[in-house]
């Protein structure tokens, strides 16, 4: 799978992400590589900061306190020595994290002010919160004296570290919760410290629960108030033991199973963990008809990527629906494959059994079975639209639509044949060129044209009933030094998005970024490069290790994983894409 792409073209070196430069391939494929974040504060080298020294001034105390926050392994033991006795007891650095690119020279005596530049923040659960408000970027330290020495008497409840330290010491993971129906997992990105305590960090993150602002988007079956006993030990044979304390009175058999699935899916990101056991107040948790030790691969039918969905793409060939497996095509014999109905785009549900298609004029949406079904033909679901973009399905068989009307984008969803408008602040009314919906039905991302170029905006989709709601969309594509045009976006995983940008005539840039808009400090393997083709469409799936293709302006399909001799479809396919 492609992970992240670096730019080569001068003037666009940071079009979507900062990345290492690579050579331009001759065959149009992306060169695989690994570009992990690096810095002088390397996760593999310990750093033991110096404690306070006699006679230090208030400004020196503050500067050296910030330096002590960069201890490796991560620790606040030395940092607390710069605080007064009272402040040391009251300071809660775990409540948020503040990152900064740099800071101006501290000023003051009784109160030292520190102005951070390019500051961002994360909440107590490690969730990225974006840029720190300008006013909050000036940190104030109230100073006091103890034993004739200056100490910090009052300060924000926050861990304050440099971007370099954050990139080298923290990694992005996914904490797994459930959608409101309890049927599918919803991954939520979060940052945890690197190192040998990954299992413990993952469990602590999960115990923080869901983002309070997203109560109708994702929920946890772990009872509120549960706490972890010290850490999560992992035995030599890969068994992680989660010892919890708290009230488990609300846990019935179904909730126990879903709680176990949350822990299993979250802990499987630690390569040392193969199985787990859960104890609540020293009592082992057992699943129905299962032992108290279970594998981390339980709950496959709740996969947010729907890995067991229909695996092959579909497309239109000469106006008819075909299935595509490499270079092999098969015409479907349902209404869309048996005759030419005047279609310009198509989307197939996750099971590969039903399809919806947009008419050539973009005004109507039709639905039909993929294969011939007795007594079932094509039916019109929507008519009178202006310019429908290609539709999208989610796991609940909801069909998401964006209509490019004269007044801007109109978002709606078809549920059981009824089309219902959905207002998405930041996307509704905007100039939208493409969009995608996650298979778990929790995210809608769209390419929005602005006076300063295209950006990717993302909204969370809430509610499982007949009238879903959407949160205000936020920008998740990185800032760019100059305006760019984004040709297309696609899911690379349930929590990462691919985007393709033209950077010069005949050259395209493919990049990926996380759905929370955070910097790419996850350290995962990724590919970097550019493509010597005018790529106008991306064909990708959130399922790992599936083909990733790019469709050029001339209709030719190119393999973007760099595999020599890969079987590819013949040119001329229209609306090529995986299910969903």
Protein backbone atom coordinates (compact mmCIF):
# COMPACT_ATOMS: atom_id res chain seq x y z
CA UNK A 1 0.00 0.00 0.00
CA UNK A 2 1.09 3.56 -0.63
CA UNK A 3 1.71 5.42 2.61
CA UNK A 4 3.00 8.91 1.97
CA UNK A 5 4.37 10.69 -1.07
CA UNK A 6 7.11 13.31 -1.20
CA UNK A 7 7.16 16.13 -3.71
CA UNK A 8 9.90 16.75 -6.23
CA UNK A 9 8.70 19.72 -8.21
CA UNK A 10 10.31 22.99 -7.14
CA UNK A 11 7.80 25.35 -5.57
CA UNK A 12 5.53 22.46 -4.56
CA UNK A 13 7.84 20.63 -2.17
CA UNK A 14 5.19 20.70 0.52
CA UNK A 15 2.06 20.41 -1.59
CA UNK A 16 0.36 17.98 0.78
CA UNK A 17 2.98 16.71 3.21
CA UNK A 18 6.57 17.32 4.08
CA UNK A 19 8.43 14.26 2.81
CA UNK A 20 11.81 13.16 1.57
CA UNK A 21 12.67 13.75 -2.07
CA UNK A 22 13.03 10.74 -4.33
CA UNK A 23 13.93 10.12 -7.94
CA UNK A 24 11.31 10.35 -10.65
CA UNK A 25 10.44 6.86 -11.92
CA UNK A 26 10.39 6.22 -15.62
CA UNK A 27 7.57 3.64 -15.58
CA UNK A 28 4.90 5.78 -13.93
CA UNK A 29 4.89 3.83 -10.68
CA UNK A 30 5.52 5.05 -7.18
CA UNK A 31 8.81 3.96 -5.62
CA UNK A 32 8.46 2.24 -2.27
CA UNK A 33 10.47 3.53 0.65
CA UNK A 34 10.37 4.23 4.35
CA UNK A 35 10.53 7.73 5.70
CA UNK A 36 10.08 7.79 9.43
CA UNK A 37 10.28 10.97 11.41
CA UNK A 38 13.77 11.65 12.74
CA UNK A 39 15.25 14.15 15.13
CA UNK A 40 18.12 14.65 17.51
CA UNK A 41 15.92 13.40 20.34
CA UNK A 42 15.83 9.85 19.04
CA UNK A 43 13.52 7.33 20.69
CA UNK A 44 16.41 4.88 20.92
CA UNK A 45 18.80 7.13 22.88
CA UNK A 46 18.17 8.09 26.51
CA UNK A 47 18.28 11.74 27.52
CA UNK A 48 18.55 12.60 31.22
CA UNK A 49 18.01 16.36 31.59
CA UNK A 50 19.80 18.38 34.23
CA UNK A 51 17.83 19.29 37.39
CA UNK A 52 17.67 22.89 38.69
CA UNK A 53 21.01 24.44 39.58
CA UNK A 54 21.67 26.88 42.42
CA UNK A 55 21.25 30.54 41.54
CA UNK A 56 19.23 30.08 38.32
CA UNK A 57 17.09 33.05 37.28
CA UNK A 58 13.34 32.76 36.63
CA UNK A 59 13.93 32.72 32.88
CA UNK A 60 16.56 30.00 33.22
CA UNK A 61 14.22 27.94 35.37
CA UNK A 62 11.50 28.12 32.71
CA UNK A 63 13.89 27.31 29.86
CA UNK A 64 15.38 24.36 31.71
CA UNK A 65 11.90 23.16 32.72
CA UNK A 66 11.02 22.97 29.02
CA UNK A 67 14.24 21.07 28.39
CA UNK A 68 13.37 18.63 31.19
CA UNK A 69 10.09 17.87 29.42
CA UNK A 70 12.17 16.28 26.65
CA UNK A 71 13.45 13.47 28.89
CA UNK A 72 13.90 10.14 27.13
CA UNK A 73 12.36 7.75 28.10
CA UNK A 74 9.38 10.06 28.60
CA UNK A 75 9.26 11.20 32.23
CA UNK A 76 8.32 14.27 34.28
CA UNK A 77 10.50 13.36 37.29
CA UNK A 78 13.14 16.01 36.56
CA UNK A 79 10.62 18.53 35.22
CA UNK A 80 8.75 18.48 38.54
CA UNK A 81 11.92 19.54 40.35
CA UNK A 82 11.55 22.96 38.72
CA UNK A 83 8.16 23.41 40.43
CA UNK A 84 7.30 24.59 43.91
CA UNK A 85 6.13 22.01 46.42
CA UNK A 86 2.51 23.07 45.94
CA UNK A 87 2.72 23.19 42.14
CA UNK A 88 4.38 19.79 42.08
CA UNK A 89 1.39 18.27 43.90
CA UNK A 90 -1.25 20.05 41.80
CA UNK A 91 0.24 19.90 38.28
CA UNK A 92 -1.60 17.49 35.94
CA UNK A 93 0.52 17.24 32.76
CA UNK A 94 -1.58 14.32 31.45
CA UNK A 95 -4.60 16.56 30.80
CA UNK A 96 -3.29 17.81 27.47
CA UNK A 97 -0.17 17.99 25.35
CA UNK A 98 1.08 21.15 23.67
CA UNK A 99 3.59 20.92 20.83
CA UNK A 100 5.56 23.81 19.39
CA UNK A 101 7.92 24.46 16.52
CA UNK A 102 9.92 27.04 18.45
CA UNK A 103 9.49 29.68 21.12
CA UNK A 104 10.54 33.28 21.59
CA UNK A 105 12.90 34.31 24.37
CA UNK A 106 11.06 34.08 27.71
CA UNK A 107 10.42 37.38 29.48
CA UNK A 108 9.66 38.42 33.06
CA UNK A 109 10.62 37.78 36.68
CA UNK A 110 7.65 37.21 38.99
CA UNK A 111 5.72 36.02 35.91
CA UNK A 112 7.60 34.58 32.97
CA UNK A 113 5.78 34.59 29.63
CA UNK A 114 6.72 32.22 26.86
CA UNK A 115 5.36 32.75 23.33
CA UNK A 116 5.19 29.49 21.36
CA UNK A 117 5.28 29.48 17.56
CA UNK A 118 3.18 27.08 15.45
CA UNK A 119 1.74 25.47 18.57
CA UNK A 120 -0.77 22.61 18.47
CA UNK A 121 -2.46 20.58 21.16
CA UNK A 122 -3.81 17.11 21.95
CA UNK A 123 -6.39 16.16 24.58
CA UNK A 124 -6.00 13.74 27.47
CA UNK A 125 -6.87 10.83 25.18
CA UNK A 126 -4.04 11.66 22.76
CA UNK A 127 -6.50 12.97 20.14
CA UNK A 128 -5.17 15.69 17.85
CA UNK A 129 -6.96 19.01 18.41
CA UNK A 130 -5.17 21.11 15.81
CA UNK A 131 -3.69 24.57 16.18
CA UNK A 132 -3.59 26.07 19.63
CA UNK A 133 -5.54 29.36 19.74
CA UNK A 134 -3.24 32.37 19.48
CA UNK A 135 -4.01 33.60 22.98
CA UNK A 136 -3.30 30.18 24.48
CA UNK A 137 0.02 30.03 22.62
CA UNK A 138 1.50 32.44 25.16
CA UNK A 139 2.24 30.37 28.25
CA UNK A 140 2.45 32.14 31.62
CA UNK A 141 4.50 30.79 34.50
CA UNK A 142 3.96 32.35 37.93
CA UNK A 143 7.26 32.26 39.81
CA UNK A 144 7.93 31.87 43.52
CA UNK A 145 10.91 31.17 45.75
CA UNK A 146 11.62 28.18 47.96
CA UNK A 147 14.75 27.93 50.06
CA UNK A 148 16.14 31.01 48.34
CA UNK A 149 15.77 29.49 44.86
CA UNK A 150 13.32 30.37 42.09
CA UNK A 151 10.68 27.79 41.28
CA UNK A 152 7.55 27.70 39.10
CA UNK A 153 4.52 28.24 41.34
CA UNK A 154 1.72 28.02 38.77
CA UNK A 155 1.58 26.71 35.21
CA UNK A 156 -0.87 25.13 32.75
CA UNK A 157 -1.88 21.49 33.23
CA UNK A 158 -0.09 20.32 30.10
CA UNK A 159 2.91 18.45 28.78
CA UNK A 160 4.80 20.96 26.61
CA UNK A 161 7.22 19.52 24.06
CA UNK A 162 8.85 20.45 20.77
CA UNK A 163 7.63 19.17 17.42
CA UNK A 164 10.92 17.31 17.03
CA UNK A 165 10.45 15.49 20.34
CA UNK A 166 6.82 14.71 19.57
CA UNK A 167 7.70 13.26 16.16
CA UNK A 168 10.40 11.00 17.57
CA UNK A 169 8.70 9.91 20.79
CA UNK A 170 5.03 9.50 19.82
CA UNK A 171 3.25 7.35 17.27
CA UNK A 172 -0.25 7.44 15.87
CA UNK A 173 -2.49 4.44 16.57
CA UNK A 174 -6.19 3.66 16.25
CA UNK A 175 -8.40 3.26 19.29
CA UNK A 176 -11.42 1.15 18.35
CA UNK A 177 -14.96 2.00 19.36
CA UNK A 178 -18.35 0.98 17.94
CA UNK A 179 -20.83 2.84 15.79
CA UNK A 180 -24.19 3.69 17.44
CA UNK A 181 -25.70 0.42 16.20
CA UNK A 182 -22.95 -1.67 17.78
CA UNK A 183 -22.43 -3.45 14.44
CA UNK A 184 -19.15 -2.05 13.16
CA UNK A 185 -15.96 -0.75 14.71
CA UNK A 186 -15.06 2.92 14.31
CA UNK A 187 -11.31 3.61 14.57
CA UNK A 188 -10.29 6.87 16.22
CA UNK A 189 -6.70 8.08 15.68
CA UNK A 190 -4.71 8.94 18.80
CA UNK A 191 -1.07 9.41 19.74
CA UNK A 192 0.73 7.28 22.31
CA UNK A 193 4.37 7.20 23.43
CA UNK A 194 6.73 4.92 21.55
CA UNK A 195 8.67 2.32 23.44
CA UNK A 196 8.21 -0.91 25.33
CA UNK A 197 4.89 0.00 26.98
CA UNK A 198 2.74 0.13 23.84
CA UNK A 199 0.10 -2.28 25.17
CA UNK A 200 -0.32 -0.20 28.32
CA UNK A 201 -0.54 3.03 26.33
CA UNK A 202 -3.17 1.55 24.02
CA UNK A 203 -5.36 0.40 26.91
CA UNK A 204 -5.05 3.73 28.72
CA UNK A 205 -6.08 5.51 25.54
CA UNK A 206 -9.09 3.24 25.12
CA UNK A 207 -10.14 3.81 28.74
CA UNK A 208 -10.33 7.54 28.05
CA UNK A 209 -13.47 6.76 26.08
CA UNK A 210 -14.84 8.49 23.01
CA UNK A 211 -14.51 12.17 22.23
CA UNK A 212 -17.40 13.85 24.13
CA UNK A 213 -18.22 15.80 20.96
CA UNK A 214 -18.80 12.55 19.04
CA UNK A 215 -21.20 10.72 21.31
CA UNK A 216 -23.55 9.94 18.41
CA UNK A 217 -20.68 8.89 16.13
CA UNK A 218 -18.88 6.29 18.23
CA UNK A 219 -19.42 4.68 21.61
CA UNK A 220 -17.51 2.44 23.97
CA UNK A 221 -18.76 -0.70 25.67
CA UNK A 222 -16.09 -0.37 28.34
CA UNK A 223 -17.90 0.86 31.49
CA UNK A 224 -17.11 4.46 32.41
CA UNK A 225 -14.78 4.90 35.32
CA UNK A 226 -12.74 1.78 34.66
CA UNK A 227 -9.06 2.19 35.51
CA UNK A 228 -5.99 0.12 34.72
CA UNK A 229 -3.93 -1.61 37.37
CA UNK A 230 -0.44 -0.21 36.79
CA UNK A 231 0.29 -1.61 33.31
CA UNK A 232 -0.47 -4.32 30.76
CA UNK A 233 2.17 -7.06 31.04
CA UNK A 234 2.77 -9.15 27.92
CA UNK A 235 4.10 -12.65 28.46
CA UNK A 236 6.81 -14.29 26.37
CA UNK A 237 4.15 -16.22 24.45
CA UNK A 238 2.24 -13.03 23.56
CA UNK A 239 -0.56 -12.97 26.16
CA UNK A 240 -1.48 -9.47 27.33
CA UNK A 241 -3.22 -9.25 30.71
CA UNK A 242 -5.57 -6.28 31.20
CA UNK A 243 -6.42 -5.85 34.89
CA UNK A 244 -9.21 -3.31 35.40
CA UNK A 245 -10.83 -1.78 38.46
CA UNK A 246 -14.32 -0.32 38.54
CA UNK A 247 -18.05 -0.97 38.43
CA UNK A 248 -18.99 -3.63 35.85
CA UNK A 249 -22.65 -3.85 36.81
CA UNK A 250 -23.88 -2.67 33.39
CA UNK A 251 -22.06 -5.38 31.45
CA UNK A 252 -24.32 -8.04 29.94
CA UNK A 253 -23.07 -10.86 27.70
CA UNK A 254 -23.28 -8.79 24.51
CA UNK A 255 -21.52 -5.83 26.08
CA UNK A 256 -18.75 -8.10 27.39
CA UNK A 257 -18.13 -9.43 23.89
CA UNK A 258 -18.05 -5.96 22.35
CA UNK A 259 -15.74 -4.70 25.08
CA UNK A 260 -13.41 -7.63 24.38
CA UNK A 261 -13.48 -6.84 20.66
CA UNK A 262 -12.54 -3.23 21.35
CA UNK A 263 -9.52 -4.32 23.39
CA UNK A 264 -8.54 -6.99 20.85
CA UNK A 265 -8.66 -4.70 17.82
CA UNK A 266 -6.79 -1.96 19.64
CA UNK A 267 -4.10 -4.23 21.11
CA UNK A 268 -3.44 -6.06 17.84
CA UNK A 269 -1.40 -2.99 16.85
CA UNK A 270 1.26 -4.16 19.32
CA UNK A 271 3.19 -6.87 17.43
CA UNK A 272 4.09 -8.53 20.72
CA UNK A 273 0.44 -9.22 21.55
CA UNK A 274 -1.23 -12.31 20.06
CA UNK A 275 -3.79 -13.12 22.75
CA UNK A 276 -5.28 -11.35 25.75
CA UNK A 277 -7.11 -11.88 28.99
CA UNK A 278 -9.26 -9.32 30.79
CA UNK A 279 -9.78 -9.20 34.53
CA UNK A 280 -12.25 -6.86 36.23
CA UNK A 281 -11.67 -6.54 39.96
CA UNK A 282 -9.53 -9.71 39.74
CA UNK A 283 -12.34 -11.73 38.10
CA UNK A 284 -11.51 -13.11 34.62
CA UNK A 285 -13.84 -12.05 31.81
CA UNK A 286 -15.04 -14.95 29.67
CA UNK A 287 -16.78 -14.80 26.32
CA UNK A 288 -19.74 -17.05 25.65
CA UNK A 289 -18.51 -20.52 24.66
CA UNK A 290 -14.92 -19.25 24.81
CA UNK A 291 -12.03 -19.47 27.27
CA UNK A 292 -10.83 -16.52 29.31
CA UNK A 293 -7.83 -16.13 26.99
CA UNK A 294 -8.76 -15.20 23.43
CA UNK A 295 -7.05 -14.21 20.21
CA UNK A 296 -6.68 -10.61 19.07
CA UNK A 297 -8.28 -11.50 15.74
CA UNK A 298 -11.77 -11.91 17.20
CA UNK A 299 -14.56 -9.74 15.82
CA UNK A 300 -13.65 -10.00 12.15
CA UNK A 301 -17.27 -9.31 11.16
CA UNK A 302 -16.98 -5.86 12.81
CA UNK A 303 -14.00 -4.82 10.63
CA UNK A 304 -14.25 -1.06 9.86
CA UNK A 305 -12.58 -1.67 6.49
CA UNK A 306 -15.14 -4.38 5.71
CA UNK A 307 -12.27 -6.64 4.65
CA UNK A 308 -14.79 -9.34 3.79
CA UNK A 309 -16.67 -7.10 1.38
CA UNK A 310 -16.61 -7.90 -2.35
CA UNK A 311 -12.89 -7.71 -3.19
CA UNK A 312 -12.84 -6.66 -6.83
CA UNK A 313 -13.56 -3.28 -8.42
CA UNK A 314 -16.46 -2.50 -10.75
CA UNK A 315 -16.61 -0.07 -13.66
CA UNK A 316 -18.53 0.93 -16.76
CA UNK A 317 -17.33 -0.32 -20.14
CA UNK A 318 -19.21 1.23 -23.06
CA UNK A 319 -21.91 2.25 -20.62
CA UNK A 320 -22.39 -1.24 -19.14
CA UNK A 321 -21.47 -2.50 -15.66
CA UNK A 322 -18.50 -4.88 -15.51
CA UNK A 323 -16.54 -6.47 -12.68
CA UNK A 324 -12.76 -6.12 -12.86
CA UNK A 325 -10.14 -8.54 -11.54
CA UNK A 326 -6.77 -7.37 -12.80
CA UNK A 327 -6.87 -7.61 -16.58
CA UNK A 328 -9.94 -9.88 -16.52
CA UNK A 329 -13.36 -8.28 -16.97
CA UNK A 330 -16.74 -9.85 -16.55
CA UNK A 331 -19.93 -8.21 -17.73
CA UNK A 332 -22.67 -8.37 -15.14
CA UNK A 333 -26.07 -9.60 -16.30
CA UNK A 334 -28.22 -7.28 -14.16
CA UNK A 335 -30.01 -4.28 -15.71
CA UNK A 336 -26.85 -2.12 -15.74
CA UNK A 337 -24.81 -4.82 -17.50
CA UNK A 338 -27.39 -6.26 -19.85
CA UNK A 339 -28.28 -3.03 -21.62
CA UNK A 340 -27.06 0.50 -22.15
CA UNK A 341 -29.07 2.84 -19.93
CA UNK A 342 -27.06 6.02 -20.35
CA UNK A 343 -24.85 5.98 -17.25
CA UNK A 344 -21.78 8.06 -16.38
CA UNK A 345 -20.81 6.77 -12.92
CA UNK A 346 -21.61 3.77 -10.76
CA UNK A 347 -21.16 2.54 -7.19
CA UNK A 348 -21.73 -0.98 -5.87
CA UNK A 349 -22.70 -1.87 -2.29
CA UNK A 350 -20.21 -3.62 -0.02
CA UNK A 351 -21.63 -7.08 -0.66
CA UNK A 352 -21.36 -6.60 -4.41
CA UNK A 353 -25.05 -7.30 -4.99
CA UNK A 354 -26.67 -3.92 -5.68
CA UNK A 355 -25.54 -0.92 -7.68
CA UNK A 356 -26.55 2.70 -8.07
CA UNK A 357 -25.64 4.74 -11.11
CA UNK A 358 -25.82 8.38 -12.17
CA UNK A 359 -27.42 9.16 -15.51
CA UNK A 360 -25.39 10.73 -18.29
CA UNK A 361 -26.89 14.18 -17.66
CA UNK A 362 -26.14 13.92 -13.92
CA UNK A 363 -29.76 14.58 -12.95
CA UNK A 364 -30.94 11.11 -11.92
CA UNK A 365 -29.83 8.24 -9.70
CA UNK A 366 -30.86 4.70 -10.64
CA UNK A 367 -30.66 1.48 -8.61
CA UNK A 368 -30.56 -2.14 -9.80
CA UNK A 369 -29.23 -5.55 -8.77
CA UNK A 370 -25.73 -6.34 -10.02
CA UNK A 371 -26.83 -9.73 -11.34
CA UNK A 372 -30.12 -10.62 -12.96
CA UNK A 373 -32.91 -11.03 -10.42
CA UNK A 374 -36.33 -12.26 -11.43
CA UNK A 375 -38.84 -9.41 -11.53
CA UNK A 376 -36.32 -6.70 -10.63
CA UNK A 377 -35.27 -4.02 -13.06
CA UNK A 378 -33.68 -0.63 -12.71
CA UNK A 379 -35.61 1.94 -10.69
CA UNK A 380 -35.12 5.67 -10.25
CA UNK A 381 -34.22 6.71 -6.71
CA UNK A 382 -33.53 10.41 -7.34
CA UNK A 383 -34.58 12.72 -10.16
CA UNK A 384 -34.38 16.45 -10.76
CA UNK A 385 -30.82 16.85 -9.49
CA UNK A 386 -28.36 19.25 -11.09
CA UNK A 387 -25.00 17.49 -11.32
CA UNK A 388 -24.61 14.38 -9.16
CA UNK A 389 -21.09 13.29 -8.30
CA UNK A 390 -20.42 9.52 -8.12
CA UNK A 391 -22.40 8.08 -5.16
CA UNK A 392 -21.01 6.22 -2.13
CA UNK A 393 -22.35 3.34 0.01
CA UNK A 394 -21.63 2.64 3.66
CA UNK A 395 -21.96 -0.60 5.68
CA UNK A 396 -25.60 0.16 6.56
CA UNK A 397 -26.56 0.30 2.87
CA UNK A 398 -27.02 4.05 3.04
CA UNK A 399 -26.27 5.81 -0.25
CA UNK A 400 -24.53 9.16 0.12
CA UNK A 401 -24.94 11.79 -2.59
CA UNK A 402 -23.44 15.17 -3.42
CA UNK A 403 -25.26 17.28 -6.00
CA UNK A 404 -23.30 20.17 -7.51
CA UNK A 405 -26.14 22.69 -7.71
CA UNK A 406 -25.98 26.35 -8.70
CA UNK A 407 -25.90 27.25 -5.01
CA UNK A 408 -23.07 24.85 -4.23
CA UNK A 409 -22.91 21.27 -2.99
CA UNK A 410 -26.04 19.64 -1.64
CA UNK A 411 -25.39 16.57 0.51
CA UNK A 412 -28.09 13.95 1.00
CA UNK A 413 -28.47 10.30 1.93
CA UNK A 414 -30.80 7.66 0.54
CA UNK A 415 -32.15 5.30 3.22
CA UNK A 416 -34.70 2.65 2.22
CA UNK A 417 -35.44 4.51 -0.99
CA UNK A 418 -35.99 7.93 0.61
CA UNK A 419 -33.54 10.74 -0.16
CA UNK A 420 -32.97 13.01 2.85
CA UNK A 421 -30.92 16.25 2.81
CA UNK A 422 -28.00 16.40 5.26
CA UNK A 423 -26.47 19.77 6.09
CA UNK A 424 -22.70 19.54 6.39
CA UNK A 425 -21.23 22.90 7.48
CA UNK A 426 -18.06 23.57 5.51
CA UNK A 427 -19.11 21.27 2.64
CA UNK A 428 -22.76 22.10 1.94
CA UNK A 429 -22.88 25.14 -0.35
CA UNK A 430 -19.19 24.82 -1.24
CA UNK A 431 -17.59 24.04 -4.60
CA UNK A 432 -17.01 20.29 -4.23
CA UNK A 433 -15.26 18.28 -6.95
CA UNK A 434 -15.11 14.85 -5.30
CA UNK A 435 -15.95 13.14 -2.02
CA UNK A 436 -15.70 9.80 -0.21
CA UNK A 437 -17.55 8.18 2.70
CA UNK A 438 -15.88 5.68 5.04
CA UNK A 439 -17.24 2.14 4.98
CA UNK A 440 -18.09 2.39 8.69
CA UNK A 441 -20.33 5.37 7.83
CA UNK A 442 -18.65 7.72 10.30
CA UNK A 443 -16.68 10.06 8.01
CA UNK A 444 -17.36 12.11 4.90
CA UNK A 445 -14.37 13.79 3.23
CA UNK A 446 -14.64 16.17 0.29
CA UNK A 447 -12.34 18.14 -2.00
CA UNK A 448 -13.43 21.76 -1.67
CA UNK A 449 -12.23 24.54 -3.98
CA UNK A 450 -11.24 27.76 -2.17
CA UNK A 451 -9.65 31.02 -3.36
CA UNK A 452 -6.30 29.68 -2.16
CA UNK A 453 -6.61 26.28 -3.86
CA UNK A 454 -8.24 22.93 -3.16
CA UNK A 455 -8.42 21.52 0.36
CA UNK A 456 -9.78 18.30 1.84
CA UNK A 457 -12.51 18.87 4.43
CA UNK A 458 -13.79 16.12 6.72
CA UNK A 459 -17.06 15.82 8.66
CA UNK A 460 -18.15 13.19 11.16
CA UNK A 461 -21.49 11.52 10.43
CA UNK A 462 -23.64 11.03 13.51
CA UNK A 463 -26.78 9.05 14.19
CA UNK A 464 -27.93 5.68 12.95
CA UNK A 465 -31.59 6.53 12.33
CA UNK A 466 -33.42 7.90 9.34
CA UNK A 467 -32.06 11.43 9.79
CA UNK A 468 -28.27 11.29 10.21
CA UNK A 469 -26.45 14.46 11.21
CA UNK A 470 -23.04 15.81 10.30
CA UNK A 471 -20.54 17.78 12.33
CA UNK A 472 -18.93 20.93 10.95
CA UNK A 473 -16.22 19.90 8.50
CA UNK A 474 -12.62 20.72 9.31
CA UNK A 475 -9.64 20.88 7.01
CA UNK A 476 -7.43 17.80 7.19
CA UNK A 477 -5.12 18.31 4.20
CA UNK A 478 -1.84 19.99 5.21
CA UNK A 479 -1.10 23.62 4.45
CA UNK A 480 0.57 24.27 1.11
CA UNK A 481 3.07 26.96 0.07
CA UNK A 482 0.96 27.81 -2.95
CA UNK A 483 -2.48 26.89 -4.34
CA UNK A 484 -2.94 23.32 -5.58
CA UNK A 485 -5.61 21.39 -7.42
CA UNK A 486 -6.62 18.01 -6.02
CA UNK A 487 -7.87 15.70 -8.76
CA UNK A 488 -9.21 12.92 -6.57
CA UNK A 489 -9.18 11.32 -3.12
CA UNK A 490 -9.61 7.72 -1.94
CA UNK A 491 -9.38 5.65 1.23
CA UNK A 492 -5.95 4.17 1.91
CA UNK A 493 -7.08 2.73 5.25
CA UNK A 494 -10.00 3.46 7.58
CA UNK A 495 -7.98 6.38 9.01
CA UNK A 496 -5.83 7.60 6.09
CA UNK A 497 -6.74 9.28 2.82
CA UNK A 498 -4.90 9.29 -0.50
CA UNK A 499 -4.95 12.38 -2.70
CA UNK A 500 -3.59 13.01 -6.19
CA UNK A 501 -2.34 16.43 -7.31
CA UNK A 502 -1.03 17.51 -10.74
CA UNK A 503 2.35 19.16 -10.21
CA UNK A 504 3.48 19.63 -13.82
CA UNK A 505 2.41 18.60 -17.28
CA UNK A 506 2.38 14.81 -17.34
CA UNK A 507 3.44 14.49 -13.68
CA UNK A 508 1.20 13.77 -10.71
CA UNK A 509 1.79 13.70 -6.97
CA UNK A 510 0.05 11.09 -4.79
CA UNK A 511 0.10 11.73 -1.04
CA UNK A 512 -1.61 10.42 2.06
CA UNK A 513 -2.55 12.03 5.33
CA UNK A 514 -4.48 11.00 8.46
CA UNK A 515 -8.16 11.79 8.89
CA UNK A 516 -7.55 13.91 11.99
CA UNK A 517 -5.36 16.43 10.16
CA UNK A 518 -2.36 15.68 12.37
CA UNK A 519 1.23 15.56 11.14
CA UNK A 520 2.46 12.23 9.81
CA UNK A 521 4.50 11.05 12.80
CA UNK A 522 3.12 7.53 12.88
CA UNK A 523 6.35 5.96 11.67
CA UNK A 524 4.52 3.44 9.48
CA UNK A 525 6.05 2.25 6.24
CA UNK A 526 5.02 4.39 3.32
CA UNK A 527 5.88 4.94 -0.31
CA UNK A 528 7.25 8.21 -1.60
CA UNK A 529 7.53 9.50 -5.10
CA UNK A 530 5.71 10.99 -8.00
CA UNK A 531 4.05 9.49 -11.06
CA UNK A 532 4.97 10.35 -14.63
CA UNK A 533 1.33 10.39 -15.69
CA UNK A 534 -1.65 12.75 -15.61
CA UNK A 535 -3.55 10.81 -12.94
CA UNK A 536 -7.13 12.06 -12.65
CA UNK A 537 -8.72 9.26 -10.60
CA UNK A 538 -7.56 7.04 -7.74
CA UNK A 539 -8.71 3.43 -7.28
CA UNK A 540 -7.97 2.33 -3.72
CA UNK A 541 -9.54 0.40 -0.87
CA UNK A 542 -9.25 0.72 2.93
CA UNK A 543 -8.46 -3.01 3.01
CA UNK A 544 -4.74 -3.64 3.42
CA UNK A 545 -2.70 -5.11 0.57
CA UNK A 546 -5.23 -4.49 -2.20
CA UNK A 547 -4.29 -3.09 -5.59
CA UNK A 548 -3.88 0.68 -5.79
CA UNK A 549 -4.39 2.09 -9.27
CA UNK A 550 -4.39 5.48 -10.88
CA UNK A 551 -6.44 6.29 -13.98
CA UNK A 552 -4.75 8.72 -16.36
CA UNK A 553 -6.49 11.36 -18.42
CA UNK A 554 -6.13 9.11 -21.49
CA UNK A 555 -8.03 6.29 -19.74
CA UNK A 556 -5.04 4.07 -19.10
CA UNK A 557 -4.79 2.38 -15.70
CA UNK A 558 -1.46 2.47 -13.84
CA UNK A 559 -0.34 0.41 -10.87
CA UNK A 560 0.73 2.77 -8.08
CA UNK A 561 2.43 0.14 -5.93
CA UNK A 562 5.37 -0.16 -8.29
CA UNK A 563 4.88 -3.84 -9.05
CA UNK A 564 6.48 -4.86 -12.32
CA UNK A 565 4.23 -6.82 -14.63
CA UNK A 566 1.08 -6.20 -12.61
CA UNK A 567 -2.12 -7.29 -14.36
CA UNK A 568 -4.06 -4.14 -15.26
CA UNK A 569 -7.40 -3.48 -16.96
CA UNK A 570 -7.53 -2.38 -20.56
CA UNK A 571 -7.95 1.37 -21.17
CA UNK A 572 -11.40 2.87 -21.54
CA UNK A 573 -13.07 1.96 -18.27
CA UNK A 574 -15.26 4.64 -16.70
CA UNK A 575 -15.99 5.10 -12.98
CA UNK A 576 -13.54 2.37 -11.92
CA UNK A 577 -13.67 1.74 -8.19
CA UNK A 578 -13.94 -0.71 -5.33
CA UNK A 579 -17.25 -1.35 -3.61
CA UNK A 580 -18.57 1.33 -1.29
